[in-house]
Protein backbone atom coordinates (compact mmCIF):
# COMPACT_ATOMS: atom_id res chain seq x y z
CA UNK A 1 81.73 74.38 113.67
CA UNK A 2 81.07 77.20 111.76
CA UNK A 3 81.86 80.67 112.73
CA UNK A 4 79.78 82.03 115.52
CA UNK A 5 77.59 85.12 114.84
CA UNK A 6 77.56 88.49 115.36
CA UNK A 7 80.83 91.31 115.95
CA UNK A 8 83.65 89.98 117.87
CA UNK A 9 86.98 91.43 119.46
CA UNK A 10 90.09 89.85 120.61
CA UNK A 11 90.79 90.42 124.51
CA UNK A 12 94.01 90.37 126.75
CA UNK A 13 93.94 90.56 130.49
CA UNK A 14 97.03 91.71 132.47
CA UNK A 15 97.74 89.12 135.58
CA UNK A 16 98.55 91.57 138.78
CA UNK A 17 101.20 88.93 139.80
CA UNK A 18 103.86 90.84 138.05
CA UNK A 19 105.10 87.80 136.10
CA UNK A 20 103.68 90.13 133.12
CA UNK A 21 101.63 87.07 131.78
CA UNK A 22 98.32 87.91 130.17
CA UNK A 23 95.11 85.54 129.69
CA UNK A 24 93.21 86.10 126.35
CA UNK A 25 89.80 85.53 125.43
CA UNK A 26 86.95 86.92 122.29
CA UNK A 27 84.08 88.76 123.51
CA UNK A 28 81.22 88.31 121.26
CA UNK A 29 78.35 90.88 121.00
CA UNK A 30 75.04 89.02 119.62
CA UNK A 31 73.59 90.25 116.57
CA UNK A 32 70.03 90.62 118.28
CA UNK A 33 71.19 92.29 121.75
CA UNK A 34 68.77 92.04 124.57
CA UNK A 35 68.81 94.77 127.55
CA UNK A 36 68.46 92.65 130.67
CA UNK A 37 70.93 89.69 130.68
CA UNK A 38 74.21 89.50 132.17
CA UNK A 39 77.21 89.10 130.16
CA UNK A 40 78.46 85.26 129.96
CA UNK A 41 81.80 84.30 130.34
CA UNK A 42 82.83 80.64 130.04
CA UNK A 43 85.73 79.14 131.51
CA UNK A 44 87.22 76.20 129.65
CA UNK A 45 88.27 72.61 131.48
CA UNK A 46 91.91 71.15 131.87
CA UNK A 47 93.82 70.94 128.75
CA UNK A 48 91.09 72.86 127.06
CA UNK A 49 90.82 76.49 125.80
CA UNK A 50 88.59 79.39 124.08
CA UNK A 51 88.06 76.84 120.74
CA UNK A 52 87.36 73.82 122.66
CA UNK A 53 83.72 72.46 121.13
CA UNK A 54 82.05 72.75 124.48
CA UNK A 55 83.34 76.25 124.59
CA UNK A 56 82.06 77.42 121.23
CA UNK A 57 78.56 75.28 121.63
CA UNK A 58 77.68 77.09 124.92
CA UNK A 59 78.91 80.46 123.26
CA UNK A 60 76.59 79.77 120.37
CA UNK A 61 73.98 78.77 122.66
CA UNK A 62 73.91 82.53 124.36
CA UNK A 63 74.50 84.14 121.45
CA UNK A 64 71.34 83.46 120.00
CA UNK A 65 69.58 84.49 123.01
CA UNK A 66 70.81 87.93 122.82
CA UNK A 67 73.64 87.35 125.55
CA UNK A 68 77.34 89.03 125.30
CA UNK A 69 79.78 86.12 125.79
CA UNK A 70 83.33 86.34 126.72
CA UNK A 71 85.43 82.74 125.90
CA UNK A 72 88.09 82.74 128.36
CA UNK A 73 91.63 81.40 127.76
CA UNK A 74 92.86 80.67 131.01
CA UNK A 75 96.48 81.19 131.55
CA UNK A 76 98.93 79.11 129.07
CA UNK A 77 96.07 78.03 127.22
CA UNK A 78 94.86 78.83 123.54
CA UNK A 79 96.24 82.18 122.82
CA UNK A 80 97.28 83.11 126.14
CA UNK A 81 100.45 80.43 125.63
CA UNK A 82 101.89 82.96 123.40
CA UNK A 83 101.72 85.94 126.47
CA UNK A 84 101.87 83.76 129.25
CA UNK A 85 104.93 81.71 131.19
CA UNK A 86 103.03 80.50 133.66
CA UNK A 87 99.99 78.12 133.78
CA UNK A 88 96.64 77.65 134.90
CA UNK A 89 95.60 75.59 138.21
CA UNK A 90 93.00 74.25 139.78
CA UNK A 91 92.80 77.15 142.63
CA UNK A 92 94.06 80.15 140.15
CA UNK A 93 90.80 82.47 141.30
CA UNK A 94 93.35 85.51 141.09
CA UNK A 95 93.18 85.21 137.51
CA UNK A 96 89.84 85.28 137.16
CA UNK A 97 89.63 88.17 139.78
CA UNK A 98 92.13 89.67 136.97
CA UNK A 99 90.03 89.50 134.44
CA UNK A 100 87.40 91.41 135.99
CA UNK A 101 89.88 94.20 136.76
CA UNK A 102 90.59 94.20 133.09
CA UNK A 103 86.99 94.50 131.76
CA UNK A 104 85.55 98.40 131.31
CA UNK A 105 82.53 99.73 132.69
CA UNK A 106 80.73 99.09 129.39
CA UNK A 107 81.36 95.56 130.11
CA UNK A 108 79.97 95.12 133.68
CA UNK A 109 76.59 97.23 132.89
CA UNK A 110 74.61 94.42 133.60
CA UNK A 111 76.78 92.24 135.41
CA UNK A 112 78.06 88.90 134.56
CA UNK A 113 77.25 85.16 134.59
CA UNK A 114 80.14 82.80 134.58
CA UNK A 115 80.11 79.41 134.00
CA UNK A 116 82.77 76.78 134.32
CA UNK A 117 83.54 73.27 132.85
CA UNK A 118 85.10 70.46 134.68
CA UNK A 119 88.68 72.26 136.12
CA UNK A 120 87.21 75.46 135.12
CA UNK A 121 84.12 75.04 137.85
CA UNK A 122 86.28 73.93 140.26
CA UNK A 123 88.18 77.49 139.32
CA UNK A 124 85.07 79.27 139.46
CA UNK A 125 83.79 78.19 142.69
CA UNK A 126 87.46 79.24 144.41
CA UNK A 127 86.69 82.41 142.83
CA UNK A 128 83.33 82.61 143.67
CA UNK A 129 83.71 81.19 147.88
CA UNK A 130 86.67 83.95 148.04
CA UNK A 131 86.26 86.98 145.16
CA UNK A 132 82.95 87.60 143.91
CA UNK A 133 81.19 89.55 146.24
CA UNK A 134 83.58 92.26 145.20
CA UNK A 135 82.26 92.24 141.42
CA UNK A 136 79.10 92.39 140.01
CA UNK A 137 78.20 88.37 139.58
CA UNK A 138 74.93 87.93 138.86
CA UNK A 139 75.31 84.13 139.04
CA UNK A 140 77.37 81.18 138.54
CA UNK A 141 76.71 77.76 137.19
CA UNK A 142 79.83 74.69 136.97
CA UNK A 143 79.55 71.47 134.45
CA UNK A 144 81.20 68.41 136.03
CA UNK A 145 83.33 70.23 138.00
CA UNK A 146 86.05 68.20 140.22
CA UNK A 147 85.47 69.50 143.48
CA UNK A 148 87.38 67.21 145.27
CA UNK A 149 90.25 66.95 143.48
CA UNK A 150 92.01 63.86 145.24
CA UNK A 151 89.29 62.09 144.78
CA UNK A 152 88.98 62.86 140.96
CA UNK A 153 92.57 62.00 140.44
CA UNK A 154 92.25 58.65 142.42
CA UNK A 155 89.23 57.92 140.29
CA UNK A 156 91.43 58.84 137.10
CA UNK A 157 94.61 56.65 137.86
CA UNK A 158 91.83 53.78 138.43
CA UNK A 159 92.48 50.73 135.81
CA UNK A 160 89.20 50.93 134.12
CA UNK A 161 90.00 54.93 132.85
CA UNK A 162 93.70 53.83 132.16
CA UNK A 163 93.76 54.62 128.07
CA UNK A 164 92.13 58.72 129.04
CA UNK A 165 93.91 58.90 131.85
CA UNK A 166 97.65 58.57 129.40
CA UNK A 167 95.80 60.50 126.99
CA UNK A 168 94.82 63.33 129.57
CA UNK A 169 98.85 63.16 130.95
CA UNK A 170 99.96 63.41 127.45
CA UNK A 171 98.38 66.82 126.85
CA UNK A 172 99.08 67.93 130.10
CA UNK A 173 102.59 67.48 129.31
CA UNK A 174 102.86 68.76 125.68
CA UNK A 175 100.76 72.14 126.97
CA UNK A 176 103.55 72.56 129.58
CA UNK A 177 106.51 71.86 127.37
CA UNK A 178 105.60 74.11 124.72
CA UNK A 179 106.80 77.15 126.94
CA UNK A 180 110.43 78.09 126.11
CA UNK A 181 111.31 79.00 129.55
CA UNK A 182 111.62 75.58 131.37
CA UNK A 183 115.03 74.37 132.48
CA UNK A 184 116.58 71.26 131.62
CA UNK A 185 115.87 69.85 134.92
CA UNK A 186 112.22 70.93 135.11
CA UNK A 187 112.03 69.21 131.52
CA UNK A 188 113.03 65.90 132.83
CA UNK A 189 110.60 66.09 135.87
CA UNK A 190 107.97 66.63 133.63
CA UNK A 191 108.95 64.16 131.19
CA UNK A 192 109.21 61.62 134.35
CA UNK A 193 105.79 61.90 135.23
CA UNK A 194 103.75 58.64 134.90
CA UNK A 195 100.83 59.93 136.22
CA UNK A 196 98.72 63.03 136.61
CA UNK A 197 99.30 62.70 140.19
CA UNK A 198 102.95 62.94 140.03
CA UNK A 199 102.56 65.31 137.34
CA UNK A 200 100.88 67.74 139.96
CA UNK A 201 103.52 66.51 142.78
CA UNK A 202 106.19 67.61 140.58
CA UNK A 203 105.26 70.19 138.78
CA UNK A 204 102.21 72.18 139.58
CA UNK A 205 102.11 72.04 143.01
CA UNK A 206 105.75 73.91 143.43
CA UNK A 207 105.12 75.78 140.55
CA UNK A 208 102.59 77.39 142.12
CA UNK A 209 103.27 77.40 146.34
CA UNK A 210 101.96 74.25 147.31
CA UNK A 211 103.88 71.80 149.33
CA UNK A 212 102.81 68.83 147.47
CA UNK A 213 100.06 67.49 145.40
CA UNK A 214 97.99 66.62 148.41
CA UNK A 215 98.26 69.97 149.74
CA UNK A 216 97.53 71.32 145.93
CA UNK A 217 94.61 69.13 145.95
CA UNK A 218 93.15 69.84 149.63
CA UNK A 219 93.83 74.05 149.29
CA UNK A 220 91.91 73.84 145.65
CA UNK A 221 89.42 71.86 146.18
CA UNK A 222 86.33 73.92 145.17
CA UNK A 223 83.63 71.97 147.47
CA UNK A 224 84.99 73.97 150.87
CA UNK A 225 83.83 77.28 149.20
CA UNK A 226 80.75 76.34 148.04
CA UNK A 227 79.28 77.12 151.86
CA UNK A 228 80.83 80.79 151.25
CA UNK A 229 79.37 81.75 147.72
CA UNK A 230 76.97 84.29 148.07
CA UNK A 231 75.45 84.98 144.81
CA UNK A 232 73.25 82.14 142.90
CA UNK A 233 74.94 78.77 142.02
CA UNK A 234 73.72 75.79 139.78
CA UNK A 235 76.15 72.73 140.44
CA UNK A 236 75.44 70.32 137.58
CA UNK A 237 76.66 66.91 137.67
CA UNK A 238 76.04 63.49 136.25
CA UNK A 239 75.89 60.12 138.37
CA UNK A 240 77.69 58.40 135.51
CA UNK A 241 80.71 60.46 135.02
CA UNK A 242 83.28 58.36 134.62
CA UNK A 243 86.20 60.38 135.85
CA UNK A 244 84.18 62.86 138.73
CA UNK A 245 82.99 61.16 141.92
CA UNK A 246 79.67 61.98 142.51
CA UNK A 247 79.91 61.55 146.36
CA UNK A 248 80.77 65.39 147.29
CA UNK A 249 78.00 66.89 145.19
CA UNK A 250 75.61 64.46 147.36
CA UNK A 251 77.63 65.42 150.74
CA UNK A 252 76.32 68.81 149.53
CA UNK A 253 73.07 68.53 148.36
CA UNK A 254 72.34 67.46 151.68
CA UNK A 255 73.18 71.01 153.43
CA UNK A 256 70.08 72.70 151.37
CA UNK A 257 71.95 76.11 150.60
CA UNK A 258 68.85 78.14 149.56
CA UNK A 259 71.17 80.29 146.77
CA UNK A 260 72.91 76.86 145.64
CA UNK A 261 70.80 74.73 143.24
CA UNK A 262 72.68 70.83 142.87
CA UNK A 263 71.65 68.67 140.13
CA UNK A 264 72.73 65.32 139.44
CA UNK A 265 71.20 63.63 136.35
CA UNK A 266 71.75 59.62 136.16
CA UNK A 267 73.24 59.66 133.19
CA UNK A 268 75.38 62.46 131.14
CA UNK A 269 78.88 61.57 131.81
CA UNK A 270 81.66 64.04 131.82
CA UNK A 271 80.69 67.41 129.88
CA UNK A 272 78.63 65.42 127.81
CA UNK A 273 74.63 65.76 128.65
CA UNK A 274 73.39 65.23 125.12
CA UNK A 275 70.18 64.13 124.09
CA UNK A 276 68.67 62.44 121.07
CA UNK A 277 65.76 64.99 120.19
CA UNK A 278 67.55 68.37 121.38
CA UNK A 279 70.74 70.10 119.30
CA UNK A 280 71.62 72.06 122.22
CA UNK A 281 72.59 70.59 125.54
CA UNK A 282 70.80 69.75 128.78
CA UNK A 283 73.51 71.55 130.47
CA UNK A 284 73.36 74.89 128.46
CA UNK A 285 69.27 74.52 128.48
CA UNK A 286 69.30 74.37 132.10
CA UNK A 287 71.72 76.99 132.61
CA UNK A 288 69.36 79.22 130.54
CA UNK A 289 66.22 78.29 132.67
CA UNK A 290 68.70 78.76 135.91
CA UNK A 291 69.53 82.34 134.65
CA UNK A 292 65.98 83.14 133.47
CA UNK A 293 65.30 82.83 137.47
CA UNK A 294 67.59 85.12 139.08
CA UNK A 295 66.17 86.93 141.77
CA UNK A 296 64.02 84.00 142.77
CA UNK A 297 64.40 84.36 146.88
CA UNK A 298 65.47 80.63 147.25
CA UNK A 299 66.93 79.27 143.93
CA UNK A 300 67.16 75.58 145.11
CA UNK A 301 63.82 75.31 145.52
CA UNK A 302 62.95 74.50 141.65
CA UNK A 303 65.53 71.59 141.87
């Protein structure tokens, strides 16, 4: 993909947990900026980074519409791998908070609109439900987020998903094993994991203060925070997503929350939503419409 238009600058955000870790990212200024729209903050998914194709496509989409964009690398992802010993997880809302604390007042002048893809969407719901009221968040959107991680993990380990399960697990191991701070025992635990559940049980959960994988999934499930979100929220998820079950979205949609729009098309796959006659993705176009509707009393009414 060609370089994104406009000026850009590398960013680094110190974490407040005393680890010395930093998140990194790239802040883009559009060639023809608008004076009204919020800064778009993009959060990638599992094994992704700021250079994932969907992150660049979305950044280009919003830059073309005059919006500032921050492509974020979560802890240990992308260039953050070189300045962080820790690794992100499904509920790392405090890391997103620290990014806000690290931005200057000029960046916050027109507020923020956050977009989370896949696991990044679940992280975003954790942040929005617990911490967003402390910051000028104009709204949020999630795309194909695993809002009930246990259900998503169970679906991923089904025989029909064996090929992608092996691929994803390999990528997860590679990302963590690239750290130079692991002990011999930790490396062996990671290498022995034969499933994502085992990886989360042996590594992710204990490293982040959870009892085991089930405790980790339960406590980081984004679905439990949706009722607590006070800002306008758009949740996009395809019925035919092969890895993330649709059931939690159907249950949340029945609640009829006035500030939460849940859109469930029949097709789109996982962070797909490409259409034959459109160069830009359906999810980016939906998010654009949602941003333009901010300020309406009942955002869910249009969906």
